[in-house]
Amino acid sequence: MFIAYVVLAVLLSVLLVVSGRAKLVKDKDIAETLTRLGVPHNWFPILALLEFAGALGLLAGIVYRPLGIAASIGVVLYFVGAVVSHLRVKDVKGAPVPTVLVLVSAAPLVLGLATH
């Protein structure tokens, strides 16, 4: 299970870094989606920072599991917030991606707790 945690933590960290970078450079598609959800442009760097912190925490959790568990909880909550943001503006078509990411980000949490 430790190897599964490491693989998931690394893959999710890469995803978070790519997503955070897209917010920092205000990628056209990401910016349009976030604007449609009512997210102010000055929040983009904050959201990116949260994603970078989650990625770093997941990777640090490989060595120090409590930090990885805390980071996993934060990443799950981040994506739950994304789902809520989509549903709040009745963007049902946009909700499946963050919903899947909630489930994907929950996997390192479960594995982290199981191997702690």
N, C-alpha and C. Protein backbone atom coordinates (compact mmCIF):
# COMPACT_ATOMS: atom_id res chain seq x y z
N MET A 1 0.83 -1.20 0.00
CA MET A 1 0.00 0.00 0.00
C MET A 1 0.86 1.25 0.00
N PHE A 2 2.06 1.16 0.55
CA PHE A 2 2.95 2.32 0.55
C PHE A 2 3.29 2.74 -0.87
N ILE A 3 3.55 1.76 -1.74
CA ILE A 3 3.89 2.07 -3.12
C ILE A 3 2.70 2.74 -3.82
N ALA A 4 1.50 2.26 -3.55
CA ALA A 4 0.31 2.87 -4.12
C ALA A 4 0.17 4.32 -3.66
N TYR A 5 0.45 4.57 -2.37
CA TYR A 5 0.40 5.94 -1.86
C TYR A 5 1.41 6.81 -2.60
N VAL A 6 2.62 6.33 -2.76
CA VAL A 6 3.68 7.10 -3.42
C VAL A 6 3.27 7.43 -4.85
N VAL A 7 2.79 6.43 -5.58
CA VAL A 7 2.39 6.64 -6.97
C VAL A 7 1.26 7.67 -7.06
N LEU A 8 0.24 7.51 -6.24
CA LEU A 8 -0.89 8.44 -6.26
C LEU A 8 -0.47 9.85 -5.81
N ALA A 9 0.37 9.93 -4.80
CA ALA A 9 0.83 11.23 -4.32
C ALA A 9 1.62 11.96 -5.40
N VAL A 10 2.47 11.25 -6.10
CA VAL A 10 3.27 11.86 -7.16
C VAL A 10 2.37 12.30 -8.32
N LEU A 11 1.48 11.41 -8.76
CA LEU A 11 0.60 11.75 -9.88
C LEU A 11 -0.33 12.92 -9.55
N LEU A 12 -0.91 12.90 -8.35
CA LEU A 12 -1.79 14.00 -7.95
C LEU A 12 -1.00 15.30 -7.79
N SER A 13 0.22 15.21 -7.31
CA SER A 13 1.07 16.40 -7.18
C SER A 13 1.36 17.01 -8.54
N VAL A 14 1.64 16.17 -9.53
CA VAL A 14 1.88 16.68 -10.89
C VAL A 14 0.63 17.38 -11.41
N LEU A 15 -0.52 16.77 -11.21
CA LEU A 15 -1.78 17.36 -11.63
C LEU A 15 -2.00 18.72 -10.96
N LEU A 16 -1.73 18.79 -9.66
CA LEU A 16 -1.91 20.04 -8.93
C LEU A 16 -0.95 21.13 -9.41
N VAL A 17 0.28 20.77 -9.70
CA VAL A 17 1.26 21.75 -10.19
C VAL A 17 0.84 22.27 -11.56
N VAL A 18 0.42 21.38 -12.44
CA VAL A 18 -0.02 21.79 -13.77
C VAL A 18 -1.24 22.71 -13.67
N SER A 19 -2.18 22.35 -12.83
CA SER A 19 -3.38 23.17 -12.64
C SER A 19 -3.04 24.52 -12.01
N GLY A 20 -2.16 24.51 -11.03
CA GLY A 20 -1.74 25.76 -10.40
C GLY A 20 -1.03 26.67 -11.37
N ARG A 21 -0.17 26.10 -12.20
CA ARG A 21 0.54 26.89 -13.21
C ARG A 21 -0.46 27.53 -14.18
N ALA A 22 -1.47 26.76 -14.59
CA ALA A 22 -2.49 27.29 -15.50
C ALA A 22 -3.20 28.50 -14.89
N LYS A 23 -3.42 28.45 -13.60
CA LYS A 23 -4.06 29.60 -12.93
C LYS A 23 -3.12 30.79 -12.86
N LEU A 24 -1.84 30.53 -12.62
CA LEU A 24 -0.87 31.64 -12.53
C LEU A 24 -0.70 32.36 -13.86
N VAL A 25 -0.66 31.61 -14.96
CA VAL A 25 -0.47 32.23 -16.28
C VAL A 25 -1.81 32.62 -16.89
N LYS A 26 -2.88 32.41 -16.15
CA LYS A 26 -4.25 32.73 -16.59
C LYS A 26 -4.55 32.10 -17.94
N ASP A 27 -4.34 30.78 -17.99
CA ASP A 27 -4.69 30.01 -19.19
C ASP A 27 -6.12 30.37 -19.60
N LYS A 28 -6.32 30.54 -20.89
CA LYS A 28 -7.61 31.02 -21.42
C LYS A 28 -8.80 30.20 -20.92
N ASP A 29 -8.72 28.88 -21.08
CA ASP A 29 -9.85 28.02 -20.68
C ASP A 29 -10.10 28.07 -19.18
N ILE A 30 -9.02 28.02 -18.41
CA ILE A 30 -9.16 28.05 -16.94
C ILE A 30 -9.73 29.40 -16.50
N ALA A 31 -9.20 30.47 -17.07
CA ALA A 31 -9.67 31.82 -16.69
C ALA A 31 -11.15 31.99 -17.04
N GLU A 32 -11.55 31.50 -18.19
CA GLU A 32 -12.97 31.60 -18.58
C GLU A 32 -13.86 30.82 -17.63
N THR A 33 -13.43 29.62 -17.28
CA THR A 33 -14.22 28.79 -16.37
C THR A 33 -14.33 29.45 -15.00
N LEU A 34 -13.19 29.87 -14.45
CA LEU A 34 -13.21 30.49 -13.12
C LEU A 34 -14.02 31.78 -13.12
N THR A 35 -13.93 32.55 -14.18
CA THR A 35 -14.71 33.79 -14.27
C THR A 35 -16.19 33.46 -14.32
N ARG A 36 -16.56 32.45 -15.09
CA ARG A 36 -17.96 32.02 -15.16
C ARG A 36 -18.47 31.57 -13.79
N LEU A 37 -17.57 31.01 -12.97
CA LEU A 37 -17.96 30.57 -11.63
C LEU A 37 -18.01 31.72 -10.63
N GLY A 38 -17.58 32.90 -11.07
CA GLY A 38 -17.61 34.06 -10.19
C GLY A 38 -16.35 34.25 -9.36
N VAL A 39 -15.26 33.59 -9.75
CA VAL A 39 -14.00 33.71 -9.02
C VAL A 39 -13.27 34.96 -9.52
N PRO A 40 -12.97 35.90 -8.63
CA PRO A 40 -12.23 37.10 -9.06
C PRO A 40 -10.82 36.75 -9.53
N HIS A 41 -10.32 37.51 -10.50
CA HIS A 41 -8.98 37.25 -11.05
C HIS A 41 -7.89 37.35 -9.99
N ASN A 42 -8.07 38.18 -8.97
CA ASN A 42 -7.03 38.31 -7.95
C ASN A 42 -6.97 37.08 -7.03
N TRP A 43 -7.91 36.15 -7.17
CA TRP A 43 -7.87 34.89 -6.42
C TRP A 43 -7.06 33.82 -7.12
N PHE A 44 -6.79 33.99 -8.41
CA PHE A 44 -6.08 32.96 -9.18
C PHE A 44 -4.75 32.59 -8.52
N PRO A 45 -3.91 33.58 -8.14
CA PRO A 45 -2.64 33.21 -7.50
C PRO A 45 -2.84 32.49 -6.16
N ILE A 46 -3.87 32.85 -5.43
CA ILE A 46 -4.15 32.20 -4.14
C ILE A 46 -4.53 30.74 -4.37
N LEU A 47 -5.40 30.50 -5.36
CA LEU A 47 -5.80 29.13 -5.68
C LEU A 47 -4.59 28.32 -6.15
N ALA A 48 -3.74 28.96 -6.96
CA ALA A 48 -2.52 28.28 -7.43
C ALA A 48 -1.62 27.93 -6.24
N LEU A 49 -1.47 28.86 -5.31
CA LEU A 49 -0.64 28.62 -4.13
C LEU A 49 -1.19 27.46 -3.30
N LEU A 50 -2.51 27.37 -3.18
CA LEU A 50 -3.12 26.26 -2.45
C LEU A 50 -2.82 24.92 -3.14
N GLU A 51 -2.87 24.94 -4.47
CA GLU A 51 -2.56 23.71 -5.20
C GLU A 51 -1.09 23.33 -5.05
N PHE A 52 -0.20 24.32 -5.12
CA PHE A 52 1.23 24.04 -4.94
C PHE A 52 1.50 23.52 -3.53
N ALA A 53 0.84 24.11 -2.53
CA ALA A 53 1.02 23.65 -1.15
C ALA A 53 0.51 22.21 -0.99
N GLY A 54 -0.62 21.90 -1.62
CA GLY A 54 -1.14 20.53 -1.57
C GLY A 54 -0.17 19.55 -2.20
N ALA A 55 0.41 19.93 -3.34
CA ALA A 55 1.37 19.06 -4.03
C ALA A 55 2.59 18.83 -3.15
N LEU A 56 3.10 19.90 -2.58
CA LEU A 56 4.28 19.79 -1.72
C LEU A 56 3.99 18.93 -0.49
N GLY A 57 2.82 19.14 0.10
CA GLY A 57 2.44 18.35 1.28
C GLY A 57 2.27 16.87 0.96
N LEU A 58 1.70 16.56 -0.19
CA LEU A 58 1.55 15.16 -0.59
C LEU A 58 2.91 14.50 -0.76
N LEU A 59 3.83 15.22 -1.39
CA LEU A 59 5.17 14.67 -1.59
C LEU A 59 5.92 14.53 -0.26
N ALA A 60 5.76 15.52 0.62
CA ALA A 60 6.40 15.44 1.93
C ALA A 60 5.80 14.28 2.74
N GLY A 61 4.54 13.95 2.46
CA GLY A 61 3.88 12.86 3.15
C GLY A 61 4.48 11.50 2.85
N ILE A 62 5.27 11.42 1.80
CA ILE A 62 5.95 10.16 1.51
C ILE A 62 6.95 9.86 2.63
N VAL A 63 7.56 10.91 3.15
CA VAL A 63 8.55 10.76 4.22
C VAL A 63 7.90 10.89 5.60
N TYR A 64 7.01 11.86 5.74
CA TYR A 64 6.36 12.14 7.03
C TYR A 64 4.85 12.06 6.83
N ARG A 65 4.30 10.89 7.08
CA ARG A 65 2.92 10.59 6.73
C ARG A 65 1.88 11.57 7.28
N PRO A 66 2.00 12.06 8.53
CA PRO A 66 0.98 13.00 9.01
C PRO A 66 0.84 14.25 8.13
N LEU A 67 1.93 14.72 7.57
CA LEU A 67 1.86 15.87 6.67
C LEU A 67 1.13 15.51 5.38
N GLY A 68 1.38 14.32 4.89
CA GLY A 68 0.68 13.86 3.69
C GLY A 68 -0.81 13.70 3.92
N ILE A 69 -1.17 13.23 5.10
CA ILE A 69 -2.59 13.08 5.44
C ILE A 69 -3.25 14.46 5.52
N ALA A 70 -2.58 15.40 6.18
CA ALA A 70 -3.12 16.76 6.28
C ALA A 70 -3.25 17.39 4.89
N ALA A 71 -2.25 17.20 4.05
CA ALA A 71 -2.30 17.75 2.70
C ALA A 71 -3.44 17.11 1.90
N SER A 72 -3.62 15.80 2.07
CA SER A 72 -4.70 15.11 1.37
C SER A 72 -6.06 15.67 1.77
N ILE A 73 -6.23 15.92 3.06
CA ILE A 73 -7.48 16.51 3.54
C ILE A 73 -7.69 17.88 2.88
N GLY A 74 -6.63 18.67 2.84
CA GLY A 74 -6.73 19.99 2.21
C GLY A 74 -7.07 19.91 0.73
N VAL A 75 -6.47 18.97 0.02
CA VAL A 75 -6.74 18.82 -1.41
C VAL A 75 -8.18 18.34 -1.64
N VAL A 76 -8.64 17.41 -0.82
CA VAL A 76 -10.04 16.96 -0.93
C VAL A 76 -10.97 18.16 -0.72
N LEU A 77 -10.73 18.95 0.31
CA LEU A 77 -11.58 20.11 0.58
C LEU A 77 -11.51 21.14 -0.54
N TYR A 78 -10.33 21.31 -1.13
CA TYR A 78 -10.16 22.23 -2.26
C TYR A 78 -11.08 21.82 -3.40
N PHE A 79 -11.08 20.52 -3.74
CA PHE A 79 -11.89 20.07 -4.86
C PHE A 79 -13.37 19.99 -4.50
N VAL A 80 -13.70 19.76 -3.24
CA VAL A 80 -15.11 19.85 -2.82
C VAL A 80 -15.59 21.29 -3.04
N GLY A 81 -14.73 22.25 -2.72
CA GLY A 81 -15.07 23.66 -2.98
C GLY A 81 -15.28 23.91 -4.45
N ALA A 82 -14.50 23.27 -5.31
CA ALA A 82 -14.67 23.42 -6.75
C ALA A 82 -16.02 22.85 -7.20
N VAL A 83 -16.39 21.70 -6.66
CA VAL A 83 -17.68 21.11 -7.00
C VAL A 83 -18.81 22.05 -6.57
N VAL A 84 -18.72 22.54 -5.35
CA VAL A 84 -19.74 23.46 -4.83
C VAL A 84 -19.82 24.71 -5.70
N SER A 85 -18.67 25.23 -6.13
CA SER A 85 -18.66 26.43 -6.98
C SER A 85 -19.37 26.17 -8.30
N HIS A 86 -19.17 25.01 -8.88
CA HIS A 86 -19.86 24.68 -10.13
C HIS A 86 -21.36 24.53 -9.90
N LEU A 87 -21.75 23.85 -8.85
CA LEU A 87 -23.17 23.63 -8.59
C LEU A 87 -23.88 24.92 -8.19
N ARG A 88 -23.15 25.81 -7.52
CA ARG A 88 -23.74 27.08 -7.09
C ARG A 88 -24.24 27.90 -8.27
N VAL A 89 -23.53 27.84 -9.39
CA VAL A 89 -23.94 28.60 -10.58
C VAL A 89 -24.65 27.69 -11.60
N LYS A 90 -25.07 26.52 -11.11
CA LYS A 90 -25.81 25.55 -11.92
C LYS A 90 -25.03 25.11 -13.17
N ASP A 91 -23.71 24.98 -13.01
CA ASP A 91 -22.85 24.49 -14.09
C ASP A 91 -22.70 22.99 -13.92
N VAL A 92 -23.77 22.27 -14.23
CA VAL A 92 -23.79 20.82 -14.05
C VAL A 92 -22.80 20.14 -14.99
N LYS A 93 -22.59 20.70 -16.17
CA LYS A 93 -21.65 20.11 -17.13
C LYS A 93 -20.21 20.21 -16.65
N GLY A 94 -19.89 21.23 -15.85
CA GLY A 94 -18.53 21.41 -15.36
C GLY A 94 -18.25 20.68 -14.06
N ALA A 95 -19.27 20.18 -13.39
CA ALA A 95 -19.11 19.56 -12.08
C ALA A 95 -18.44 18.17 -12.09
N PRO A 96 -18.58 17.38 -13.15
CA PRO A 96 -17.98 16.03 -13.09
C PRO A 96 -16.46 16.02 -12.92
N VAL A 97 -15.74 16.93 -13.55
CA VAL A 97 -14.27 16.90 -13.44
C VAL A 97 -13.83 17.11 -11.99
N PRO A 98 -14.30 18.18 -11.31
CA PRO A 98 -13.87 18.31 -9.91
C PRO A 98 -14.42 17.19 -9.02
N THR A 99 -15.54 16.61 -9.39
CA THR A 99 -16.08 15.49 -8.61
C THR A 99 -15.14 14.29 -8.70
N VAL A 100 -14.66 14.01 -9.89
CA VAL A 100 -13.69 12.92 -10.06
C VAL A 100 -12.41 13.25 -9.29
N LEU A 101 -12.00 14.52 -9.30
CA LEU A 101 -10.79 14.92 -8.59
C LEU A 101 -10.95 14.81 -7.07
N VAL A 102 -12.17 14.97 -6.57
CA VAL A 102 -12.42 14.72 -5.15
C VAL A 102 -12.12 13.26 -4.84
N LEU A 103 -12.61 12.37 -5.69
CA LEU A 103 -12.40 10.94 -5.47
C LEU A 103 -10.93 10.57 -5.62
N VAL A 104 -10.28 11.13 -6.64
CA VAL A 104 -8.86 10.84 -6.86
C VAL A 104 -8.03 11.36 -5.68
N SER A 105 -8.36 12.55 -5.19
CA SER A 105 -7.58 13.11 -4.08
C SER A 105 -7.90 12.43 -2.75
N ALA A 106 -9.02 11.74 -2.68
CA ALA A 106 -9.34 10.99 -1.46
C ALA A 106 -8.51 9.71 -1.36
N ALA A 107 -8.06 9.20 -2.50
CA ALA A 107 -7.29 7.95 -2.49
C ALA A 107 -5.99 8.05 -1.69
N PRO A 108 -5.17 9.11 -1.88
CA PRO A 108 -3.97 9.20 -1.04
C PRO A 108 -4.31 9.37 0.45
N LEU A 109 -5.44 10.00 0.73
CA LEU A 109 -5.86 10.14 2.12
C LEU A 109 -6.13 8.78 2.72
N VAL A 110 -6.90 7.96 2.03
CA VAL A 110 -7.23 6.62 2.52
C VAL A 110 -5.96 5.77 2.65
N LEU A 111 -5.14 5.82 1.61
CA LEU A 111 -3.90 5.02 1.66
C LEU A 111 -2.94 5.54 2.73
N GLY A 112 -2.90 6.86 2.91
CA GLY A 112 -2.04 7.44 3.94
C GLY A 112 -2.48 7.01 5.33
N LEU A 113 -3.78 6.99 5.55
CA LEU A 113 -4.28 6.54 6.84
C LEU A 113 -4.05 5.05 7.03
N ALA A 114 -4.18 4.28 5.96
CA ALA A 114 -4.00 2.82 6.07
C ALA A 114 -2.55 2.42 6.31
N THR A 115 -1.61 3.24 5.85
CA THR A 115 -0.20 2.88 5.98
C THR A 115 0.50 3.69 7.07
N HIS A 116 -0.25 4.45 7.83
CA HIS A 116 0.34 5.32 8.87
C HIS A 116 0.81 4.50 10.04
